[in-house]
Structure formats: C-alpha cells, structure tokens
Amino acid sequence: MQVYAAELADVNTCYQMDKSFTTDYVWQMQSRDGGRTIDVRFDTVRLPRSMRVAYPRSPDELAELWQKDECFLVIRNLEDEPVGFIVAQPHLWQKLLWVSNLVVHPRYRGQGFGTSLLKAAIDWGLEHNLNRMILEVQTKNYPAICFAQKLGFQFCGYNERYYDNGDIALFFSRSI
C-alpha cells in the first residue's frame, strides 16, 4: 500500500467510493440543563440490530477540497487502485490539522489502510509545522470512534447540529 497526494482522476474515484459503514453500537448523547449547570453524557449503546449508515458529508465537496491544494491523500492497493482517502484542512493559527474525511473502501477496512492514511496526514501536518490533529466522527460511527481511540485520539467535544443530515459530530484530538 502506498499513499500519494490525490490527483484529479483520484477525486472521481473517491467521489464514487462506498463511504457507508455498518455499526452495532452508537454513542448516545444525553443532556440535562439544570439552570446553572449543563450536564452532557455520551453512553455507548448496543443497537437491536446492525445498522447501515450513509456517510454524512456530500461527495460534491471533494473536488472543491482538492482544488485548495491542502492535505488530500489517496492510498492505493497492490493493483495500484485507490482504495481510500483522507482530507484534512490546516488551521494555521491553532497549529492544527482538521480531518474532515477519512474513508477506506469497505473491502479494505481493518487491514491497516486507514492507519497508513492517518500516519501520512500526520507527516503532512508535521511538514507544515502543525502539532495537533482533530478527527471528526458521527456518533453513529462506532467503528471510527474505536479506530480513533486505538490511535491515541481523545474525545474533546461535540456539535449537535454539525452535519447536514442532522447527525451529531464528535471531535477527537491528539498531538502529532
């Protein structure tokens, strides 16, 4: 597996790639406003059956992100086919790299492709003098939550109305 800066032809492949996932768990948010305090809690909840979830971002944004010439990397398998990608935006004043898209084709998940993409993005961030990375994830994307935690990311926040489809975004952070 090799990671490359995305080329225009890769953007179309990334656009067409199956970005959905299946989960048996979700992070369920509970909040209580007590007047002077607000309590927010996330509980891992097992679903009664597996759920297939659509990717929350519009694939139409990929071409726009590629044109910005930021961190848009593609990983290829041994047959030189793109099987995953990562897109991250630098926030220079915070010295932070914000990962907005991390996708591996379902057939190649669990084989190290996602880890390789994330490590390549970390290298990109270090080359651009960044020292922190944020990864955004849907509360429904339990596989990605576990992946982030396995790689040393820690929960650092959420946004209740982040995605166009109404899903809650979780944010995980780590030093790079």
N, C-alpha and C. Protein backbone atom coordinates (compact mmCIF):
# COMPACT_ATOMS: atom_id res chain seq x y z
N MET A 1 0.84 -1.18 0.00
CA MET A 1 0.00 0.00 0.00
C MET A 1 0.88 1.24 0.00
N GLN A 2 0.48 2.21 -0.81
CA GLN A 2 1.25 3.45 -0.93
C GLN A 2 0.29 4.63 -0.85
N VAL A 3 0.73 5.70 -0.19
CA VAL A 3 -0.07 6.91 -0.06
C VAL A 3 0.51 7.98 -0.97
N TYR A 4 -0.38 8.67 -1.70
CA TYR A 4 0.02 9.70 -2.64
C TYR A 4 -0.85 10.94 -2.44
N ALA A 5 -0.33 12.08 -2.88
CA ALA A 5 -1.18 13.26 -2.98
C ALA A 5 -2.20 12.98 -4.08
N ALA A 6 -3.45 13.29 -3.82
CA ALA A 6 -4.52 12.99 -4.78
C ALA A 6 -4.34 13.79 -6.06
N GLU A 7 -4.62 13.13 -7.16
CA GLU A 7 -4.65 13.78 -8.47
C GLU A 7 -6.11 13.91 -8.89
N LEU A 8 -6.37 14.69 -9.91
CA LEU A 8 -7.75 14.94 -10.33
C LEU A 8 -8.51 13.64 -10.61
N ALA A 9 -7.88 12.68 -11.26
CA ALA A 9 -8.54 11.40 -11.56
C ALA A 9 -8.92 10.66 -10.28
N ASP A 10 -8.12 10.83 -9.22
CA ASP A 10 -8.42 10.19 -7.94
C ASP A 10 -9.69 10.75 -7.31
N VAL A 11 -9.93 12.04 -7.53
CA VAL A 11 -11.10 12.69 -6.93
C VAL A 11 -12.38 12.01 -7.39
N ASN A 12 -12.47 11.67 -8.67
CA ASN A 12 -13.65 10.98 -9.19
C ASN A 12 -13.80 9.60 -8.54
N THR A 13 -12.69 8.88 -8.38
CA THR A 13 -12.75 7.57 -7.74
C THR A 13 -13.21 7.72 -6.28
N CYS A 14 -12.68 8.72 -5.59
CA CYS A 14 -13.09 8.97 -4.20
C CYS A 14 -14.57 9.33 -4.13
N TYR A 15 -15.02 10.10 -5.11
CA TYR A 15 -16.43 10.51 -5.18
C TYR A 15 -17.33 9.27 -5.26
N GLN A 16 -16.92 8.30 -6.06
CA GLN A 16 -17.75 7.11 -6.31
C GLN A 16 -17.59 6.02 -5.25
N MET A 17 -16.57 6.12 -4.42
CA MET A 17 -16.28 5.08 -3.43
C MET A 17 -17.42 4.93 -2.42
N ASP A 18 -17.70 3.71 -2.03
CA ASP A 18 -18.70 3.44 -1.00
C ASP A 18 -18.16 3.95 0.33
N LYS A 19 -18.81 4.95 0.88
CA LYS A 19 -18.36 5.58 2.12
C LYS A 19 -19.23 5.17 3.31
N SER A 20 -20.23 4.35 3.07
CA SER A 20 -21.12 3.94 4.15
C SER A 20 -20.41 2.96 5.08
N PHE A 21 -21.03 2.72 6.21
CA PHE A 21 -20.46 1.77 7.17
C PHE A 21 -21.61 1.08 7.91
N THR A 22 -21.27 -0.01 8.57
CA THR A 22 -22.23 -0.76 9.38
C THR A 22 -21.77 -0.70 10.83
N THR A 23 -22.73 -0.55 11.72
CA THR A 23 -22.40 -0.47 13.14
C THR A 23 -23.41 -1.25 13.97
N ASP A 24 -22.96 -1.72 15.11
CA ASP A 24 -23.82 -2.38 16.09
C ASP A 24 -23.99 -1.52 17.34
N TYR A 25 -23.23 -0.43 17.42
CA TYR A 25 -23.26 0.46 18.58
C TYR A 25 -23.32 1.91 18.11
N VAL A 26 -23.77 2.77 18.99
CA VAL A 26 -23.72 4.22 18.78
C VAL A 26 -23.33 4.88 20.10
N TRP A 27 -22.86 6.10 20.00
CA TRP A 27 -22.67 6.93 21.18
C TRP A 27 -23.93 7.76 21.31
N GLN A 28 -24.73 7.47 22.33
CA GLN A 28 -25.99 8.18 22.53
C GLN A 28 -25.76 9.33 23.49
N MET A 29 -26.18 10.53 23.07
CA MET A 29 -25.98 11.72 23.89
C MET A 29 -27.19 11.94 24.79
N GLN A 30 -26.89 12.26 26.04
CA GLN A 30 -27.92 12.65 27.00
C GLN A 30 -27.48 13.97 27.60
N SER A 31 -28.39 14.92 27.65
CA SER A 31 -28.04 16.20 28.26
C SER A 31 -29.16 16.65 29.20
N ARG A 32 -28.75 17.44 30.18
CA ARG A 32 -29.69 17.96 31.16
C ARG A 32 -29.25 19.37 31.50
N ASP A 33 -30.18 20.31 31.33
CA ASP A 33 -29.92 21.70 31.66
C ASP A 33 -30.51 21.97 33.03
N GLY A 34 -29.63 22.15 34.01
CA GLY A 34 -30.08 22.37 35.38
C GLY A 34 -30.10 23.83 35.78
N GLY A 35 -30.17 24.73 34.83
CA GLY A 35 -30.18 26.16 35.16
C GLY A 35 -28.78 26.72 35.21
N ARG A 36 -28.05 26.40 36.27
CA ARG A 36 -26.69 26.90 36.43
C ARG A 36 -25.64 25.92 35.92
N THR A 37 -26.07 24.70 35.65
CA THR A 37 -25.15 23.69 35.12
C THR A 37 -25.81 22.96 33.96
N ILE A 38 -24.99 22.52 33.06
CA ILE A 38 -25.45 21.69 31.95
C ILE A 38 -24.62 20.41 32.00
N ASP A 39 -25.30 19.29 32.09
CA ASP A 39 -24.63 18.00 32.10
C ASP A 39 -24.83 17.33 30.74
N VAL A 40 -23.74 16.89 30.15
CA VAL A 40 -23.79 16.18 28.88
C VAL A 40 -23.02 14.88 29.06
N ARG A 41 -23.63 13.80 28.57
CA ARG A 41 -23.01 12.49 28.73
C ARG A 41 -23.24 11.69 27.46
N PHE A 42 -22.23 10.92 27.08
CA PHE A 42 -22.36 10.00 25.95
C PHE A 42 -22.25 8.58 26.49
N ASP A 43 -23.22 7.76 26.14
CA ASP A 43 -23.22 6.36 26.53
C ASP A 43 -23.10 5.50 25.27
N THR A 44 -22.27 4.47 25.34
CA THR A 44 -22.20 3.51 24.25
C THR A 44 -23.41 2.60 24.39
N VAL A 45 -24.23 2.55 23.33
CA VAL A 45 -25.47 1.78 23.36
C VAL A 45 -25.44 0.76 22.24
N ARG A 46 -25.74 -0.49 22.59
CA ARG A 46 -25.83 -1.55 21.57
C ARG A 46 -27.19 -1.44 20.88
N LEU A 47 -27.17 -1.48 19.57
CA LEU A 47 -28.39 -1.42 18.78
C LEU A 47 -29.06 -2.79 18.72
N PRO A 48 -30.37 -2.84 18.54
CA PRO A 48 -31.05 -4.15 18.47
C PRO A 48 -30.62 -4.97 17.25
N ARG A 49 -30.16 -4.30 16.20
CA ARG A 49 -29.65 -4.99 15.01
C ARG A 49 -28.63 -4.07 14.34
N SER A 50 -27.80 -4.65 13.51
CA SER A 50 -26.80 -3.86 12.79
C SER A 50 -27.49 -2.80 11.94
N MET A 51 -26.84 -1.66 11.85
CA MET A 51 -27.40 -0.55 11.09
C MET A 51 -26.38 -0.09 10.05
N ARG A 52 -26.84 0.06 8.82
CA ARG A 52 -26.00 0.61 7.75
C ARG A 52 -26.23 2.12 7.75
N VAL A 53 -25.14 2.88 7.75
CA VAL A 53 -25.22 4.33 7.87
C VAL A 53 -24.54 4.98 6.67
N ALA A 54 -25.20 5.96 6.10
CA ALA A 54 -24.63 6.72 4.99
C ALA A 54 -23.61 7.71 5.52
N TYR A 55 -22.63 7.99 4.70
CA TYR A 55 -21.60 8.98 5.04
C TYR A 55 -22.27 10.35 5.13
N PRO A 56 -21.94 11.15 6.15
CA PRO A 56 -22.68 12.39 6.38
C PRO A 56 -22.28 13.58 5.49
N ARG A 57 -21.18 13.48 4.81
CA ARG A 57 -20.71 14.60 4.01
C ARG A 57 -21.09 14.42 2.55
N SER A 58 -21.29 15.52 1.87
CA SER A 58 -21.61 15.48 0.45
C SER A 58 -20.35 15.15 -0.34
N PRO A 59 -20.44 14.17 -1.24
CA PRO A 59 -19.26 13.86 -2.05
C PRO A 59 -18.91 15.00 -3.01
N ASP A 60 -19.86 15.89 -3.25
CA ASP A 60 -19.62 17.02 -4.16
C ASP A 60 -18.53 17.96 -3.63
N GLU A 61 -18.29 17.95 -2.34
CA GLU A 61 -17.28 18.86 -1.79
C GLU A 61 -15.85 18.39 -2.07
N LEU A 62 -15.68 17.15 -2.50
CA LEU A 62 -14.33 16.62 -2.70
C LEU A 62 -13.54 17.39 -3.75
N ALA A 63 -14.15 17.73 -4.87
CA ALA A 63 -13.44 18.48 -5.92
C ALA A 63 -13.02 19.85 -5.40
N GLU A 64 -13.89 20.48 -4.64
CA GLU A 64 -13.56 21.79 -4.06
C GLU A 64 -12.39 21.67 -3.07
N LEU A 65 -12.41 20.64 -2.26
CA LEU A 65 -11.33 20.44 -1.30
C LEU A 65 -10.01 20.12 -2.01
N TRP A 66 -10.07 19.34 -3.07
CA TRP A 66 -8.86 19.01 -3.82
C TRP A 66 -8.24 20.27 -4.43
N GLN A 67 -9.07 21.17 -4.91
CA GLN A 67 -8.58 22.40 -5.54
C GLN A 67 -7.86 23.31 -4.56
N LYS A 68 -8.13 23.17 -3.28
CA LYS A 68 -7.47 24.01 -2.27
C LYS A 68 -6.01 23.64 -2.08
N ASP A 69 -5.61 22.49 -2.61
CA ASP A 69 -4.21 22.05 -2.53
C ASP A 69 -3.73 21.96 -1.09
N GLU A 70 -4.57 21.35 -0.25
CA GLU A 70 -4.20 21.13 1.14
C GLU A 70 -3.87 19.64 1.30
N CYS A 71 -4.23 19.06 2.39
CA CYS A 71 -3.93 17.65 2.64
C CYS A 71 -5.06 16.78 2.10
N PHE A 72 -4.89 16.30 0.88
CA PHE A 72 -5.85 15.37 0.25
C PHE A 72 -4.99 14.21 -0.26
N LEU A 73 -5.01 13.12 0.48
CA LEU A 73 -4.15 11.98 0.19
C LEU A 73 -4.99 10.75 -0.17
N VAL A 74 -4.44 9.94 -1.05
CA VAL A 74 -5.11 8.71 -1.51
C VAL A 74 -4.18 7.54 -1.23
N ILE A 75 -4.78 6.43 -0.84
CA ILE A 75 -4.00 5.20 -0.65
C ILE A 75 -4.41 4.20 -1.71
N ARG A 76 -3.41 3.51 -2.26
CA ARG A 76 -3.64 2.54 -3.34
C ARG A 76 -3.27 1.14 -2.85
N ASN A 77 -3.97 0.16 -3.39
CA ASN A 77 -3.65 -1.23 -3.08
C ASN A 77 -2.52 -1.71 -3.99
N LEU A 78 -2.20 -3.00 -3.93
CA LEU A 78 -1.10 -3.55 -4.73
C LEU A 78 -1.37 -3.50 -6.22
N GLU A 79 -2.64 -3.42 -6.61
CA GLU A 79 -3.01 -3.30 -8.03
C GLU A 79 -3.03 -1.84 -8.48
N ASP A 80 -2.56 -0.94 -7.63
CA ASP A 80 -2.48 0.50 -7.90
C ASP A 80 -3.86 1.15 -8.05
N GLU A 81 -4.87 0.59 -7.37
CA GLU A 81 -6.22 1.16 -7.37
C GLU A 81 -6.41 1.97 -6.09
N PRO A 82 -6.97 3.17 -6.18
CA PRO A 82 -7.28 3.93 -4.96
C PRO A 82 -8.34 3.19 -4.14
N VAL A 83 -8.04 2.94 -2.88
CA VAL A 83 -8.98 2.23 -2.01
C VAL A 83 -9.34 3.02 -0.76
N GLY A 84 -8.82 4.23 -0.65
CA GLY A 84 -9.15 5.07 0.49
C GLY A 84 -8.56 6.45 0.32
N PHE A 85 -9.05 7.38 1.15
CA PHE A 85 -8.53 8.74 1.10
C PHE A 85 -8.74 9.45 2.43
N ILE A 86 -7.96 10.49 2.61
CA ILE A 86 -8.09 11.35 3.78
C ILE A 86 -7.99 12.79 3.29
N VAL A 87 -8.85 13.64 3.84
CA VAL A 87 -8.83 15.06 3.54
C VAL A 87 -8.76 15.80 4.87
N ALA A 88 -7.80 16.71 4.96
CA ALA A 88 -7.63 17.48 6.21
C ALA A 88 -7.27 18.91 5.88
N GLN A 89 -7.79 19.81 6.68
CA GLN A 89 -7.55 21.24 6.47
C GLN A 89 -6.66 21.77 7.58
N PRO A 90 -5.61 22.50 7.21
CA PRO A 90 -4.77 23.12 8.25
C PRO A 90 -5.44 24.37 8.82
N HIS A 91 -5.37 24.50 10.11
CA HIS A 91 -5.80 25.71 10.81
C HIS A 91 -4.51 26.28 11.41
N LEU A 92 -3.86 27.12 10.64
CA LEU A 92 -2.51 27.56 10.97
C LEU A 92 -2.41 28.28 12.31
N TRP A 93 -3.35 29.14 12.61
CA TRP A 93 -3.23 29.91 13.86
C TRP A 93 -3.37 29.02 15.09
N GLN A 94 -3.99 27.84 14.93
CA GLN A 94 -4.09 26.88 16.04
C GLN A 94 -3.04 25.79 15.94
N LYS A 95 -2.24 25.81 14.86
CA LYS A 95 -1.24 24.76 14.60
C LYS A 95 -1.90 23.38 14.61
N LEU A 96 -3.04 23.30 13.92
CA LEU A 96 -3.89 22.13 14.00
C LEU A 96 -4.28 21.66 12.60
N LEU A 97 -4.37 20.35 12.43
CA LEU A 97 -4.83 19.74 11.19
C LEU A 97 -6.18 19.09 11.46
N TRP A 98 -7.23 19.54 10.75
CA TRP A 98 -8.60 19.09 10.97
C TRP A 98 -8.97 18.06 9.92
N VAL A 99 -9.15 16.80 10.35
CA VAL A 99 -9.50 15.72 9.43
C VAL A 99 -11.02 15.70 9.27
N SER A 100 -11.47 16.04 8.05
CA SER A 100 -12.91 16.07 7.78
C SER A 100 -13.39 14.83 7.03
N ASN A 101 -12.51 14.16 6.33
CA ASN A 101 -12.87 12.95 5.58
C ASN A 101 -11.78 11.90 5.76
N LEU A 102 -12.17 10.74 6.18
CA LEU A 102 -11.27 9.58 6.23
C LEU A 102 -12.11 8.38 5.81
N VAL A 103 -11.82 7.86 4.62
CA VAL A 103 -12.64 6.80 4.04
C VAL A 103 -11.74 5.69 3.52
N VAL A 104 -12.11 4.47 3.84
CA VAL A 104 -11.47 3.29 3.25
C VAL A 104 -12.61 2.45 2.68
N HIS A 105 -12.42 1.99 1.44
CA HIS A 105 -13.42 1.14 0.80
C HIS A 105 -13.74 -0.03 1.73
N PRO A 106 -15.00 -0.41 1.87
CA PRO A 106 -15.38 -1.48 2.82
C PRO A 106 -14.57 -2.76 2.68
N ARG A 107 -14.19 -3.15 1.48
CA ARG A 107 -13.43 -4.39 1.27
C ARG A 107 -12.04 -4.33 1.89
N TYR A 108 -11.52 -3.11 2.14
CA TYR A 108 -10.14 -2.96 2.62
C TYR A 108 -10.06 -2.48 4.07
N ARG A 109 -11.19 -2.37 4.73
CA ARG A 109 -11.19 -1.92 6.13
C ARG A 109 -10.60 -2.99 7.03
N GLY A 110 -9.96 -2.54 8.11
CA GLY A 110 -9.37 -3.46 9.07
C GLY A 110 -8.05 -4.07 8.62
N GLN A 111 -7.45 -3.51 7.56
CA GLN A 111 -6.20 -4.06 7.02
C GLN A 111 -5.05 -3.06 7.09
N GLY A 112 -5.22 -1.97 7.83
CA GLY A 112 -4.14 -1.00 8.01
C GLY A 112 -4.16 0.17 7.05
N PHE A 113 -5.10 0.21 6.12
CA PHE A 113 -5.15 1.31 5.16
C PHE A 113 -5.49 2.64 5.85
N GLY A 114 -6.45 2.60 6.76
CA GLY A 114 -6.83 3.82 7.49
C GLY A 114 -5.69 4.34 8.35
N THR A 115 -4.99 3.43 9.02
CA THR A 115 -3.85 3.82 9.84
C THR A 115 -2.75 4.44 8.98
N SER A 116 -2.49 3.86 7.82
CA SER A 116 -1.48 4.41 6.91
C SER A 116 -1.87 5.79 6.43
N LEU A 117 -3.14 5.99 6.12
CA LEU A 117 -3.60 7.32 5.69
C LEU A 117 -3.43 8.34 6.81
N LEU A 118 -3.81 7.95 8.02
CA LEU A 118 -3.70 8.87 9.14
C LEU A 118 -2.24 9.22 9.43
N LYS A 119 -1.35 8.23 9.36
CA LYS A 119 0.07 8.49 9.58
C LYS A 119 0.63 9.41 8.50
N ALA A 120 0.19 9.25 7.25
CA ALA A 120 0.64 10.13 6.17
C ALA A 120 0.14 11.56 6.39
N ALA A 121 -1.08 11.69 6.90
CA ALA A 121 -1.61 13.03 7.21
C ALA A 121 -0.84 13.66 8.37
N ILE A 122 -0.45 12.85 9.34
CA ILE A 122 0.38 13.37 10.44
C ILE A 122 1.70 13.88 9.89
N ASP A 123 2.33 13.12 9.01
CA ASP A 123 3.57 13.57 8.38
C ASP A 123 3.36 14.88 7.62
N TRP A 124 2.24 14.99 6.91
CA TRP A 124 1.91 16.21 6.19
C TRP A 124 1.80 17.38 7.18
N GLY A 125 1.12 17.13 8.29
CA GLY A 125 0.96 18.17 9.31
C GLY A 125 2.29 18.60 9.90
N LEU A 126 3.16 17.65 10.18
CA LEU A 126 4.48 17.99 10.73
C LEU A 126 5.30 18.81 9.73
N GLU A 127 5.20 18.45 8.43
CA GLU A 127 5.91 19.22 7.40
C GLU A 127 5.41 20.66 7.31
N HIS A 128 4.19 20.89 7.76
CA HIS A 128 3.60 22.23 7.73
C HIS A 128 3.56 22.88 9.11
N ASN A 129 4.41 22.37 10.01
CA ASN A 129 4.59 22.94 11.36
C ASN A 129 3.32 22.93 12.21
N LEU A 130 2.52 21.89 12.05
CA LEU A 130 1.33 21.73 12.88
C LEU A 130 1.66 20.75 13.99
N ASN A 131 0.96 20.86 15.12
CA ASN A 131 1.29 19.98 16.24
C ASN A 131 0.09 19.26 16.86
N ARG A 132 -1.07 19.45 16.29
CA ARG A 132 -2.28 18.82 16.83
C ARG A 132 -3.17 18.39 15.67
N MET A 133 -3.95 17.34 15.90
CA MET A 133 -4.88 16.85 14.89
C MET A 133 -6.24 16.65 15.53
N ILE A 134 -7.29 17.07 14.82
CA ILE A 134 -8.68 16.83 15.24
C ILE A 134 -9.30 15.92 14.19
N LEU A 135 -10.02 14.93 14.67
CA LEU A 135 -10.73 13.99 13.80
C LEU A 135 -12.21 14.10 14.14
N GLU A 136 -13.04 14.37 13.14
CA GLU A 136 -14.48 14.46 13.36
C GLU A 136 -15.14 13.15 12.97
N VAL A 137 -16.15 12.73 13.77
CA VAL A 137 -16.80 11.44 13.58
C VAL A 137 -18.27 11.57 13.97
N GLN A 138 -19.16 10.89 13.26
CA GLN A 138 -20.56 10.81 13.66
C GLN A 138 -20.70 9.98 14.93
N THR A 139 -21.69 10.30 15.75
CA THR A 139 -21.96 9.48 16.93
C THR A 139 -22.35 8.06 16.53
N LYS A 140 -22.85 7.89 15.31
CA LYS A 140 -23.25 6.57 14.82
C LYS A 140 -22.06 5.75 14.32
N ASN A 141 -20.92 6.39 14.12
CA ASN A 141 -19.78 5.69 13.52
C ASN A 141 -18.89 5.07 14.60
N TYR A 142 -19.45 4.08 15.27
CA TYR A 142 -18.72 3.42 16.35
C TYR A 142 -17.41 2.80 15.88
N PRO A 143 -17.35 2.19 14.69
CA PRO A 143 -16.06 1.68 14.23
C PRO A 143 -14.99 2.77 14.15
N ALA A 144 -15.36 3.96 13.68
CA ALA A 144 -14.39 5.05 13.59
C ALA A 144 -14.02 5.59 14.97
N ILE A 145 -14.96 5.60 15.88
CA ILE A 145 -14.67 6.03 17.26
C ILE A 145 -13.63 5.10 17.88
N CYS A 146 -13.83 3.80 17.72
CA CYS A 146 -12.86 2.81 18.25
C CYS A 146 -11.51 2.97 17.57
N PHE A 147 -11.51 3.20 16.26
CA PHE A 147 -10.28 3.42 15.50
C PHE A 147 -9.53 4.64 16.05
N ALA A 148 -10.24 5.73 16.24
CA ALA A 148 -9.62 6.96 16.76
C ALA A 148 -9.01 6.72 18.14
N GLN A 149 -9.76 6.08 19.01
CA GLN A 149 -9.25 5.83 20.37
C GLN A 149 -8.05 4.89 20.34
N LYS A 150 -8.07 3.90 19.48
CA LYS A 150 -6.94 2.97 19.36
C LYS A 150 -5.66 3.70 18.95
N LEU A 151 -5.81 4.76 18.15
CA LEU A 151 -4.66 5.52 17.67
C LEU A 151 -4.31 6.71 18.56
N GLY A 152 -4.85 6.74 19.76
CA GLY A 152 -4.44 7.75 20.73
C GLY A 152 -5.24 9.04 20.72
N PHE A 153 -6.32 9.09 19.96
CA PHE A 153 -7.18 10.28 19.97
C PHE A 153 -8.07 10.24 21.21
N GLN A 154 -8.31 11.42 21.78
CA GLN A 154 -9.17 11.52 22.95
C GLN A 154 -10.35 12.43 22.63
N PHE A 155 -11.51 12.07 23.16
CA PHE A 155 -12.71 12.87 22.96
C PHE A 155 -12.45 14.29 23.47
N CYS A 156 -12.81 15.29 22.66
CA CYS A 156 -12.59 16.68 23.09
C CYS A 156 -13.78 17.60 22.83
N GLY A 157 -14.88 17.06 22.31
CA GLY A 157 -16.05 17.91 22.12
C GLY A 157 -17.05 17.34 21.14
N TYR A 158 -18.11 18.09 20.92
CA TYR A 158 -19.17 17.66 20.03
C TYR A 158 -19.91 18.88 19.49
N ASN A 159 -20.71 18.64 18.46
CA ASN A 159 -21.60 19.66 17.92
C ASN A 159 -22.89 18.95 17.54
N GLU A 160 -23.99 19.38 18.16
CA GLU A 160 -25.28 18.71 17.97
C GLU A 160 -25.85 18.84 16.56
N ARG A 161 -25.51 19.89 15.86
CA ARG A 161 -26.10 20.12 14.54
C ARG A 161 -25.00 20.38 13.51
N TYR A 162 -24.06 19.49 13.44
CA TYR A 162 -22.87 19.70 12.62
C TYR A 162 -23.08 19.29 11.16
N TYR A 163 -23.68 18.13 10.95
CA TYR A 163 -23.84 17.60 9.61
C TYR A 163 -25.20 18.01 9.03
N ASP A 164 -25.25 18.11 7.69
CA ASP A 164 -26.49 18.48 7.00
C ASP A 164 -27.63 17.52 7.30
N ASN A 165 -27.31 16.25 7.56
CA ASN A 165 -28.36 15.26 7.81
C ASN A 165 -28.84 15.28 9.27
N GLY A 166 -28.33 16.20 10.07
CA GLY A 166 -28.78 16.34 11.46
C GLY A 166 -28.00 15.51 12.46
N ASP A 167 -27.04 14.72 12.01
CA ASP A 167 -26.25 13.90 12.93
C ASP A 167 -25.34 14.77 13.80
N ILE A 168 -25.06 14.25 14.96
CA ILE A 168 -24.14 14.88 15.90
C ILE A 168 -22.72 14.52 15.51
N ALA A 169 -21.82 15.49 15.58
CA ALA A 169 -20.39 15.24 15.34
C ALA A 169 -19.68 15.15 16.68
N LEU A 170 -18.80 14.18 16.76
CA LEU A 170 -17.87 14.06 17.89
C LEU A 170 -16.52 14.49 17.40
N PHE A 171 -15.73 15.11 18.28
CA PHE A 171 -14.38 15.53 17.91
C PHE A 171 -13.38 14.84 18.82
N PHE A 172 -12.35 14.29 18.20
CA PHE A 172 -11.28 13.62 18.90
C PHE A 172 -9.98 14.30 18.54
N SER A 173 -9.08 14.43 19.52
CA SER A 173 -7.85 15.19 19.31
C SER A 173 -6.65 14.39 19.79
N ARG A 174 -5.50 14.70 19.17
CA ARG A 174 -4.23 14.15 19.65
C ARG A 174 -3.09 15.01 19.15
N SER A 175 -1.98 14.92 19.84
CA SER A 175 -0.76 15.60 19.38
C SER A 175 -0.19 14.85 18.18
N ILE A 176 0.53 15.60 17.33
CA ILE A 176 1.19 14.94 16.20
C ILE A 176 2.67 15.24 16.24
